[in-house]
PDB file of N, CA and C in Angstrom:
ATOM      1  N   MET A   1      22.354  -9.234  24.133  1.00  0.00           N
ATOM      2  CA  MET A   1      21.309  -9.013  23.023  1.00  0.00           C
ATOM      3  C   MET A   1      21.149  -9.349  21.802  1.00  0.00           C
ATOM      4  N   ALA A   2      20.989 -10.230  21.716  1.00  0.00           N
ATOM      5  CA  ALA A   2      20.973 -11.640  20.298  1.00  0.00           C
ATOM      6  C   ALA A   2      19.868 -12.497  21.384  1.00  0.00           C
ATOM      7  N   CYS A   3      20.090 -12.225  22.435  1.00  0.00           N
ATOM      8  CA  CYS A   3      18.213 -13.319  23.447  1.00  0.00           C
ATOM      9  C   CYS A   3      17.359 -12.772  23.688  1.00  0.00           C
ATOM     10  N   ILE A   4      17.459 -11.523  23.053  1.00  0.00           N
ATOM     11  CA  ILE A   4      16.429  -9.859  23.510  1.00  0.00           C
ATOM     12  C   ILE A   4      15.639 -10.008  21.940  1.00  0.00           C
ATOM     13  N   GLU A   5      16.364 -10.878  20.757  1.00  0.00           N
ATOM     14  CA  GLU A   5      16.034  -9.885  19.581  1.00  0.00           C
ATOM     15  C   GLU A   5      15.315 -11.533  19.235  1.00  0.00           C
ATOM     16  N   ALA A   6      15.781 -12.835  19.382  1.00  0.00           N
ATOM     17  CA  ALA A   6      15.430 -14.600  19.638  1.00  0.00           C
ATOM     18  C   ALA A   6      14.068 -14.001  20.167  1.00  0.00           C
ATOM     19  N   ALA A   7      14.090 -14.204  21.365  1.00  0.00           N
ATOM     20  CA  ALA A   7      12.422 -13.708  22.528  1.00  0.00           C
ATOM     21  C   ALA A   7      12.042 -12.712  21.478  1.00  0.00           C
ATOM     22  N   ASP A   8      12.222 -12.430  20.636  1.00  0.00           N
ATOM     23  CA  ASP A   8      10.741 -10.838  20.314  1.00  0.00           C
ATOM     24  C   ASP A   8      10.622 -11.807  19.763  1.00  0.00           C
ATOM     25  N   ALA A   9      11.329 -11.990  18.257  1.00  0.00           N
ATOM     26  CA  ALA A   9      11.367 -12.834  17.206  1.00  0.00           C
ATOM     27  C   ALA A   9       9.968 -14.071  17.921  1.00  0.00           C
ATOM     28  N   MET A  10      10.143 -14.860  18.611  1.00  0.00           N
ATOM     29  CA  MET A  10      10.088 -16.040  18.598  1.00  0.00           C
ATOM     30  C   MET A  10       8.273 -15.674  18.948  1.00  0.00           C
ATOM     31  N   CYS A  11       8.328 -15.142  19.241  1.00  0.00           N
ATOM     32  CA  CYS A  11       6.749 -13.998  20.296  1.00  0.00           C
ATOM     33  C   CYS A  11       6.165 -14.070  19.195  1.00  0.00           C
ATOM     34  N   LYS A  12       6.832 -12.785  18.073  1.00  0.00           N
ATOM     35  CA  LYS A  12       5.793 -12.470  17.079  1.00  0.00           C
ATOM     36  C   LYS A  12       5.685 -13.661  16.156  1.00  0.00           C
ATOM     37  N   ALA A  13       6.562 -14.755  15.997  1.00  0.00           N
ATOM     38  CA  ALA A  13       5.823 -15.670  14.943  1.00  0.00           C
ATOM     39  C   ALA A  13       5.442 -16.455  15.139  1.00  0.00           C
ATOM     40  N   ALA A  14       4.770 -17.185  16.156  1.00  0.00           N
ATOM     41  CA  ALA A  14       3.985 -17.731  16.357  1.00  0.00           C
ATOM     42  C   ALA A  14       3.117 -17.599  17.629  1.00  0.00           C
ATOM     43  N   ASN A  15       1.940 -18.431  18.340  1.00  0.00           N
ATOM     44  CA  ASN A  15       1.421 -18.864  20.146  1.00  0.00           C
ATOM     45  C   ASN A  15       2.442 -19.121  20.476  1.00  0.00           C
ATOM     46  N   VAL A  16       2.581 -18.827  21.187  1.00  0.00           N
ATOM     47  CA  VAL A  16       4.149 -19.083  22.040  1.00  0.00           C
ATOM     48  C   VAL A  16       4.498 -18.041  23.327  1.00  0.00           C
ATOM     49  N   GLU A  17       4.069 -18.531  24.808  1.00  0.00           N
ATOM     50  CA  GLU A  17       4.701 -18.100  25.519  1.00  0.00           C
ATOM     51  C   GLU A  17       5.982 -17.166  26.131  1.00  0.00           C
ATOM     52  N   LEU A  18       6.906 -16.558  25.617  1.00  0.00           N
ATOM     53  CA  LEU A  18       7.694 -16.988  26.570  1.00  0.00           C
ATOM     54  C   LEU A  18       7.849 -16.385  28.006  1.00  0.00           C
ATOM     55  N   ILE A  19       8.490 -17.513  29.070  1.00  0.00           N
ATOM     56  CA  ILE A  19       8.157 -18.111  29.924  1.00  0.00           C
ATOM     57  C   ILE A  19       9.784 -17.843  30.761  1.00  0.00           C
ATOM     58  N   GLY A  20      10.991 -16.888  29.793  1.00  0.00           N
ATOM     59  CA  GLY A  20      11.945 -16.186  31.330  1.00  0.00           C
ATOM     60  C   GLY A  20      13.336 -16.790  30.223  1.00  0.00           C
ATOM     61  N   TYR A  21      14.299 -16.015  30.360  1.00  0.00           N
ATOM     62  CA  TYR A  21      16.189 -15.970  30.347  1.00  0.00           C
ATOM     63  C   TYR A  21      16.549 -16.965  31.685  1.00  0.00           C
ATOM     64  N   GLU A  22      17.433 -17.219  30.989  1.00  0.00           N
ATOM     65  CA  GLU A  22      18.569 -17.828  32.089  1.00  0.00           C
ATOM     66  C   GLU A  22      19.592 -17.927  32.085  1.00  0.00           C
ATOM     67  N   ASN A  23      20.996 -16.634  32.873  1.00  0.00           N
ATOM     68  CA  ASN A  23      22.248 -16.506  32.446  1.00  0.00           C
ATOM     69  C   ASN A  23      22.464 -18.439  33.051  1.00  0.00           C
ATOM     70  N   VAL A  24      23.703 -18.629  31.557  1.00  0.00           N
ATOM     71  CA  VAL A  24      24.003 -20.316  31.737  1.00  0.00           C
ATOM     72  C   VAL A  24      25.738 -19.320  32.232  1.00  0.00           C
ATOM     73  N   GLY A  25      25.704 -18.863  32.250  1.00  0.00           N
ATOM     74  CA  GLY A  25      27.635 -17.888  32.427  1.00  0.00           C
ATOM     75  C   GLY A  25      27.773 -17.837  30.903  1.00  0.00           C
ATOM     76  N   SER A  26      29.421 -17.055  31.007  1.00  0.00           N
ATOM     77  CA  SER A  26      30.291 -17.138  30.240  1.00  0.00           C
ATOM     78  C   SER A  26      29.426 -16.689  29.267  1.00  0.00           C
ATOM     79  N   GLY A  27      28.761 -15.217  29.820  1.00  0.00           N
ATOM     80  CA  GLY A  27      28.564 -14.466  28.674  1.00  0.00           C
ATOM     81  C   GLY A  27      26.983 -14.838  27.441  1.00  0.00           C
ATOM     82  N   LEU A  28      26.790 -17.218  27.565  1.00  0.00           N
ATOM     83  CA  LEU A  28      25.473 -17.644  27.108  1.00  0.00           C
ATOM     84  C   LEU A  28      23.607 -17.193  28.426  1.00  0.00           C
ATOM     85  N   VAL A  29      23.345 -17.211  27.151  1.00  0.00           N
ATOM     86  CA  VAL A  29      21.877 -16.613  28.328  1.00  0.00           C
ATOM     87  C   VAL A  29      20.476 -17.331  27.030  1.00  0.00           C
ATOM     88  N   THR A  30      20.090 -18.069  27.916  1.00  0.00           N
ATOM     89  CA  THR A  30      18.144 -19.097  27.327  1.00  0.00           C
ATOM     90  C   THR A  30      17.410 -17.610  27.715  1.00  0.00           C
ATOM     91  N   ALA A  31      15.745 -18.446  26.114  1.00  0.00           N
ATOM     92  CA  ALA A  31      15.267 -17.673  26.644  1.00  0.00           C
ATOM     93  C   ALA A  31      13.978 -19.245  26.447  1.00  0.00           C
ATOM     94  N   MET A  32      12.852 -19.068  27.163  1.00  0.00           N
ATOM     95  CA  MET A  32      12.336 -20.655  27.034  1.00  0.00           C
ATOM     96  C   MET A  32      11.180 -20.235  26.365  1.00  0.00           C
ATOM     97  N   VAL A  33      10.153 -20.714  24.724  1.00  0.00           N
ATOM     98  CA  VAL A  33       8.729 -19.859  25.556  1.00  0.00           C
ATOM     99  C   VAL A  33       8.079 -22.139  25.174  1.00  0.00           C
ATOM    100  N   LYS A  34       6.457 -21.540  26.095  1.00  0.00           N
ATOM    101  CA  LYS A  34       6.085 -22.608  25.565  1.00  0.00           C
ATOM    102  C   LYS A  34       5.018 -22.102  25.071  1.00  0.00           C
ATOM    103  N   GLY A  35       3.771 -23.051  24.408  1.00  0.00           N
ATOM    104  CA  GLY A  35       3.393 -23.540  23.385  1.00  0.00           C
ATOM    105  C   GLY A  35       3.022 -24.586  22.485  1.00  0.00           C
ATOM    106  N   ASP A  36       2.784 -24.948  22.194  1.00  0.00           N
ATOM    107  CA  ASP A  36       1.637 -25.883  21.427  1.00  0.00           C
ATOM    108  C   ASP A  36       2.917 -25.908  20.546  1.00  0.00           C
ATOM    109  N   VAL A  37       3.224 -27.321  20.299  1.00  0.00           N
ATOM    110  CA  VAL A  37       3.818 -28.449  19.601  1.00  0.00           C
ATOM    111  C   VAL A  37       4.386 -27.437  18.141  1.00  0.00           C
ATOM    112  N   GLY A  38       3.735 -27.298  17.368  1.00  0.00           N
ATOM    113  CA  GLY A  38       4.061 -26.773  15.775  1.00  0.00           C
ATOM    114  C   GLY A  38       4.074 -24.989  16.565  1.00  0.00           C
ATOM    115  N   ALA A  39       3.590 -24.551  17.249  1.00  0.00           N
ATOM    116  CA  ALA A  39       3.670 -22.839  17.383  1.00  0.00           C
ATOM    117  C   ALA A  39       5.023 -23.097  17.577  1.00  0.00           C
ATOM    118  N   VAL A  40       5.918 -23.516  18.862  1.00  0.00           N
ATOM    119  CA  VAL A  40       7.290 -23.732  19.492  1.00  0.00           C
ATOM    120  C   VAL A  40       8.519 -23.888  18.310  1.00  0.00           C
ATOM    121  N   ASN A  41       7.903 -25.113  17.288  1.00  0.00           N
ATOM    122  CA  ASN A  41       8.333 -24.758  16.344  1.00  0.00           C
ATOM    123  C   ASN A  41       8.428 -24.110  15.118  1.00  0.00           C
ATOM    124  N   ALA A  42       7.783 -23.131  14.697  1.00  0.00           N
ATOM    125  CA  ALA A  42       7.357 -22.375  13.621  1.00  0.00           C
ATOM    126  C   ALA A  42       8.056 -20.629  14.112  1.00  0.00           C
ATOM    127  N   ALA A  43       8.757 -20.767  15.726  1.00  0.00           N
ATOM    128  CA  ALA A  43       8.737 -20.201  16.852  1.00  0.00           C
ATOM    129  C   ALA A  43       9.965 -19.992  17.009  1.00  0.00           C
ATOM    130  N   VAL A  44      10.922 -21.188  17.037  1.00  0.00           N
ATOM    131  CA  VAL A  44      12.065 -21.880  17.372  1.00  0.00           C
ATOM    132  C   VAL A  44      13.273 -20.994  16.046  1.00  0.00           C
ATOM    133  N   ASP A  45      12.695 -21.548  15.215  1.00  0.00           N
ATOM    134  CA  ASP A  45      13.138 -21.161  13.054  1.00  0.00           C
ATOM    135  C   ASP A  45      13.684 -19.645  13.424  1.00  0.00           C
ATOM    136  N   SER A  46      11.996 -19.089  13.706  1.00  0.00           N
ATOM    137  CA  SER A  46      13.056 -17.266  13.704  1.00  0.00           C
ATOM    138  C   SER A  46      12.417 -16.811  14.892  1.00  0.00           C
ATOM    139  N   GLY A  47      13.336 -17.619  15.753  1.00  0.00           N
ATOM    140  CA  GLY A  47      14.591 -17.360  17.124  1.00  0.00           C
ATOM    141  C   GLY A  47      15.829 -17.437  16.346  1.00  0.00           C
ATOM    142  N   VAL A  48      15.838 -18.476  15.657  1.00  0.00           N
ATOM    143  CA  VAL A  48      17.469 -19.346  15.681  1.00  0.00           C
ATOM    144  C   VAL A  48      17.584 -18.139  14.053  1.00  0.00           C
ATOM    145  N   GLU A  49      17.279 -17.661  12.873  1.00  0.00           N
ATOM    146  CA  GLU A  49      17.241 -16.558  12.116  1.00  0.00           C
ATOM    147  C   GLU A  49      17.068 -15.280  13.210  1.00  0.00           C
ATOM    148  N   ALA A  50      16.381 -14.681  13.498  1.00  0.00           N
ATOM    149  CA  ALA A  50      17.032 -13.664  14.353  1.00  0.00           C
ATOM    150  C   ALA A  50      18.758 -12.791  14.816  1.00  0.00           C
ATOM    151  N   ALA A  51      18.569 -14.484  16.058  1.00  0.00           N
ATOM    152  CA  ALA A  51      19.470 -14.013  17.367  1.00  0.00           C
ATOM    153  C   ALA A  51      20.336 -13.920  16.346  1.00  0.00           C
ATOM    154  N   LYS A  52      20.023 -15.143  14.907  1.00  0.00           N
ATOM    155  CA  LYS A  52      21.636 -15.192  14.167  1.00  0.00           C
ATOM    156  C   LYS A  52      22.367 -14.351  13.361  1.00  0.00           C
ATOM    157  N   ARG A  53      21.516 -13.282  12.804  1.00  0.00           N
ATOM    158  CA  ARG A  53      21.306 -12.259  11.933  1.00  0.00           C
ATOM    159  C   ARG A  53      22.567 -10.883  13.866  1.00  0.00           C
ATOM    160  N   ILE A  54      22.442 -10.616  14.353  1.00  0.00           N
ATOM    161  CA  ILE A  54      22.883  -9.783  15.708  1.00  0.00           C
ATOM    162  C   ILE A  54      24.096 -10.961  15.848  1.00  0.00           C
ATOM    163  N   GLY A  55      23.922 -12.151  16.020  1.00  0.00           N
ATOM    164  CA  GLY A  55      24.937 -13.449  17.247  1.00  0.00           C
ATOM    165  C   GLY A  55      24.562 -13.690  16.403  1.00  0.00           C
ATOM    166  N   GLU A  56      25.571 -14.543  17.821  1.00  0.00           N
ATOM    167  CA  GLU A  56      25.948 -16.432  17.376  1.00  0.00           C
ATOM    168  C   GLU A  56      25.000 -17.294  18.004  1.00  0.00           C
ATOM    169  N   VAL A  57      24.302 -17.965  17.741  1.00  0.00           N
ATOM    170  CA  VAL A  57      22.905 -18.983  18.596  1.00  0.00           C
ATOM    171  C   VAL A  57      24.088 -20.429  18.858  1.00  0.00           C
ATOM    172  N   VAL A  58      24.125 -20.313  19.455  1.00  0.00           N
ATOM    173  CA  VAL A  58      25.268 -22.418  19.882  1.00  0.00           C
ATOM    174  C   VAL A  58      24.172 -23.327  20.303  1.00  0.00           C
ATOM    175  N   THR A  59      23.053 -23.653  19.853  1.00  0.00           N
ATOM    176  CA  THR A  59      22.786 -24.508  20.114  1.00  0.00           C
ATOM    177  C   THR A  59      20.641 -23.551  20.317  1.00  0.00           C
ATOM    178  N   SER A  60      19.911 -24.796  19.917  1.00  0.00           N
ATOM    179  CA  SER A  60      18.604 -24.627  20.053  1.00  0.00           C
ATOM    180  C   SER A  60      17.829 -26.240  20.407  1.00  0.00           C
ATOM    181  N   ARG A  61      17.032 -25.887  21.128  1.00  0.00           N
ATOM    182  CA  ARG A  61      16.080 -27.538  21.755  1.00  0.00           C
ATOM    183  C   ARG A  61      14.657 -26.869  21.453  1.00  0.00           C
ATOM    184  N   VAL A  62      13.559 -27.961  20.722  1.00  0.00           N
ATOM    185  CA  VAL A  62      12.811 -28.013  21.889  1.00  0.00           C
ATOM    186  C   VAL A  62      11.919 -29.576  22.052  1.00  0.00           C
ATOM    187  N   ILE A  63      11.436 -29.708  23.616  1.00  0.00           N
ATOM    188  CA  ILE A  63      11.154 -30.792  23.905  1.00  0.00           C
ATOM    189  C   ILE A  63       9.586 -30.620  24.217  1.00  0.00           C
ATOM    190  N   ALA A  64       9.053 -31.339  23.247  1.00  0.00           N
ATOM    191  CA  ALA A  64       7.726 -32.393  23.243  1.00  0.00           C
ATOM    192  C   ALA A  64       7.313 -32.164  24.815  1.00  0.00           C
ATOM    193  N   ARG A  65       6.359 -32.252  25.096  1.00  0.00           N
ATOM    194  CA  ARG A  65       5.819 -33.090  26.287  1.00  0.00           C
ATOM    195  C   ARG A  65       7.326 -33.108  27.609  1.00  0.00           C
ATOM    196  N   PRO A  66       7.516 -32.034  28.509  1.00  0.00           N
ATOM    197  CA  PRO A  66       9.564 -31.928  28.840  1.00  0.00           C
ATOM    198  C   PRO A  66       7.870 -32.909  30.651  1.00  0.00           C
ATOM    199  N   HIS A  67       8.691 -33.054  31.059  1.00  0.00           N
ATOM    200  CA  HIS A  67       8.607 -34.516  31.794  1.00  0.00           C
ATOM    201  C   HIS A  67       8.221 -33.512  33.429  1.00  0.00           C
ATOM    202  N   ASN A  68       7.957 -33.695  34.165  1.00  0.00           N
ATOM    203  CA  ASN A  68       7.081 -32.450  35.393  1.00  0.00           C
ATOM    204  C   ASN A  68       8.471 -32.534  35.936  1.00  0.00           C
ATOM    205  N   ASP A  69       9.065 -33.181  36.340  1.00  0.00           N
ATOM    206  CA  ASP A  69      10.680 -32.483  36.658  1.00  0.00           C
ATOM    207  C   ASP A  69      11.073 -30.969  36.709  1.00  0.00           C
ATOM    208  N   ILE A  70      11.388 -31.207  35.505  1.00  0.00           N
ATOM    209  CA  ILE A  70      11.653 -29.825  34.583  1.00  0.00           C
ATOM    210  C   ILE A  70      11.865 -28.827  34.977  1.00  0.00           C
ATOM    211  N   GLU A  71      10.498 -28.768  35.961  1.00  0.00           N
ATOM    212  CA  GLU A  71       9.658 -27.027  36.133  1.00  0.00           C
ATOM    213  C   GLU A  71      10.887 -27.121  37.806  1.00  0.00           C
ATOM    214  N   LYS A  72      11.071 -28.385  38.142  1.00  0.00           N
ATOM    215  CA  LYS A  72      11.644 -28.230  39.490  1.00  0.00           C
ATOM    216  C   LYS A  72      13.575 -27.290  39.908  1.00  0.00           C
ATOM    217  N   ASN A  73      13.533 -27.787  38.243  1.00  0.00           N
ATOM    218  CA  ASN A  73      15.191 -27.782  37.722  1.00  0.00           C
ATOM    219  C   ASN A  73      15.282 -26.405  36.887  1.00  0.00           C
ATOM    220  N   CYS A  74      14.337 -25.503  36.296  1.00  0.00           N
ATOM    221  CA  CYS A  74      14.223 -24.705  35.732  1.00  0.00           C
ATOM    222  C   CYS A  74      14.072 -23.456  36.387  1.00  0.00           C
ATOM    223  N   VAL A  75      14.501 -23.019  36.409  1.00  0.00           N
ATOM    224  CA  VAL A  75      13.825 -21.367  37.292  1.00  0.00           C
ATOM    225  C   VAL A  75      12.577 -20.795  36.743  1.00  0.00           C
ATOM    226  N   ALA A  76      13.383 -20.607  34.685  1.00  0.00           N
ATOM    227  CA  ALA A  76      12.425 -19.776  34.536  1.00  0.00           C
ATOM    228  C   ALA A  76      10.733 -20.687  34.314  1.00  0.00           C
ATOM    229  N   ALA A  77      10.696 -22.134  34.370  1.00  0.00           N
ATOM    230  CA  ALA A  77      10.070 -22.967  34.088  1.00  0.00           C
ATOM    231  C   ALA A  77       8.560 -23.211  35.231  1.00  0.00           C
ATOM    232  N   GLN A  78       9.821 -22.416  35.846  1.00  0.00           N
ATOM    233  CA  GLN A  78       8.432 -22.037  37.353  1.00  0.00           C
ATOM    234  C   GLN A  78       6.318 -21.402  38.091  1.00  0.00           C
ATOM    235  N   SER A  79       6.940 -21.226  36.141  1.00  0.00           N
ATOM    236  CA  SER A  79       6.217 -19.735  36.567  1.00  0.00           C
ATOM    237  C   SER A  79       5.094 -20.513  35.421  1.00  0.00           C
ATOM    238  N   MET A  80       5.112 -22.307  34.839  1.00  0.00           N
ATOM    239  CA  MET A  80       4.896 -23.505  33.713  1.00  0.00           C
ATOM    240  C   MET A  80       3.557 -24.165  34.563  1.00  0.00           C
ATOM    241  N   THR A  81       2.675 -23.638  34.156  1.00  0.00           N
ATOM    242  CA  THR A  81       1.134 -24.718  34.524  1.00  0.00           C
ATOM    243  C   THR A  81       1.027 -25.756  34.167  1.00  0.00           C
ATOM    244  N   GLU A  82       0.205 -26.845  35.553  1.00  0.00           N
ATOM    245  CA  GLU A  82       0.422 -27.725  35.681  1.00  0.00           C
ATOM    246  C   GLU A  82      -0.176 -28.593  34.069  1.00  0.00           C
ATOM    247  N   ARG A  83      -0.318 -28.418  33.431  1.00  0.00           N
ATOM    248  CA  ARG A  83      -0.290 -29.222  31.948  1.00  0.00           C
ATOM    249  C   ARG A  83       0.825 -28.872  30.714  1.00  0.00           C
ATOM    250  N   VAL A  84       2.113 -28.885  31.832  1.00  0.00           N
ATOM    251  CA  VAL A  84       3.241 -29.155  31.408  1.00  0.00           C
ATOM    252  C   VAL A  84       2.808 -28.930  30.113  1.00  0.00           C
ATOM    253  N   ARG A  85       3.436 -27.806  29.140  1.00  0.00           N
ATOM    254  CA  ARG A  85       3.361 -27.977  26.727  1.00  0.00           C
ATOM    255  C   ARG A  85       4.695 -28.217  27.177  1.00  0.00           C
ATOM    256  N   PRO A  86       5.161 -28.112  25.407  1.00  0.00           N
ATOM    257  CA  PRO A  86       6.305 -27.358  24.630  1.00  0.00           C
ATOM    258  C   PRO A  86       6.843 -27.255  25.235  1.00  0.00           C
ATOM    259  N   VAL A  87       8.024 -27.709  25.289  1.00  0.00           N
ATOM    260  CA  VAL A  87       9.272 -26.073  25.738  1.00  0.00           C
ATOM    261  C   VAL A  87      10.240 -25.067  25.200  1.00  0.00           C
ATOM    262  N   CYS A  88      10.901 -24.784  24.582  1.00  0.00           N
ATOM    263  CA  CYS A  88      11.958 -24.058  23.470  1.00  0.00           C
ATOM    264  C   CYS A  88      12.957 -23.342  24.392  1.00  0.00           C
ATOM    265  N   THR A  89      13.954 -24.254  23.930  1.00  0.00           N
ATOM    266  CA  THR A  89      15.412 -23.172  24.506  1.00  0.00           C
ATOM    267  C   THR A  89      16.333 -22.426  24.250  1.00  0.00           C
ATOM    268  N   LEU A  90      16.171 -21.266  23.598  1.00  0.00           N
ATOM    269  CA  LEU A  90      17.054 -21.710  23.240  1.00  0.00           C
ATOM    270  C   LEU A  90      18.875 -20.633  23.331  1.00  0.00           C
ATOM    271  N   LEU A  91      19.979 -21.443  23.264  1.00  0.00           N
ATOM    272  CA  LEU A  91      20.676 -21.169  23.934  1.00  0.00           C
ATOM    273  C   LEU A  91      21.382 -19.950  23.081  1.00  0.00           C
ATOM    274  N   VAL A  92      22.406 -18.199  22.648  1.00  0.00           N
ATOM    275  CA  VAL A  92      22.790 -17.459  22.608  1.00  0.00           C
ATOM    276  C   VAL A  92      23.733 -17.294  23.214  1.00  0.00           C
TER     277      VAL A  92
END
């Protein structure tokens, strides 16, 4: 539930696109967004705060200009366009 709250907050806080969720095991879920670096940073900050109100945030990470191989290894990233943009992973 915290991941849904975080994703909602991220999308409302800045001009980012939710590219997906992944269950990573042991009850942990990650939500990923893409957009401009500034927008992603603002979205992550909002998402972290929203998730903390409901549950525990394990980690968050913004990767500016991720390598093209990220798309091959990340199920949710398969919808990314050719021009890879910053991606956020929020693990809750």
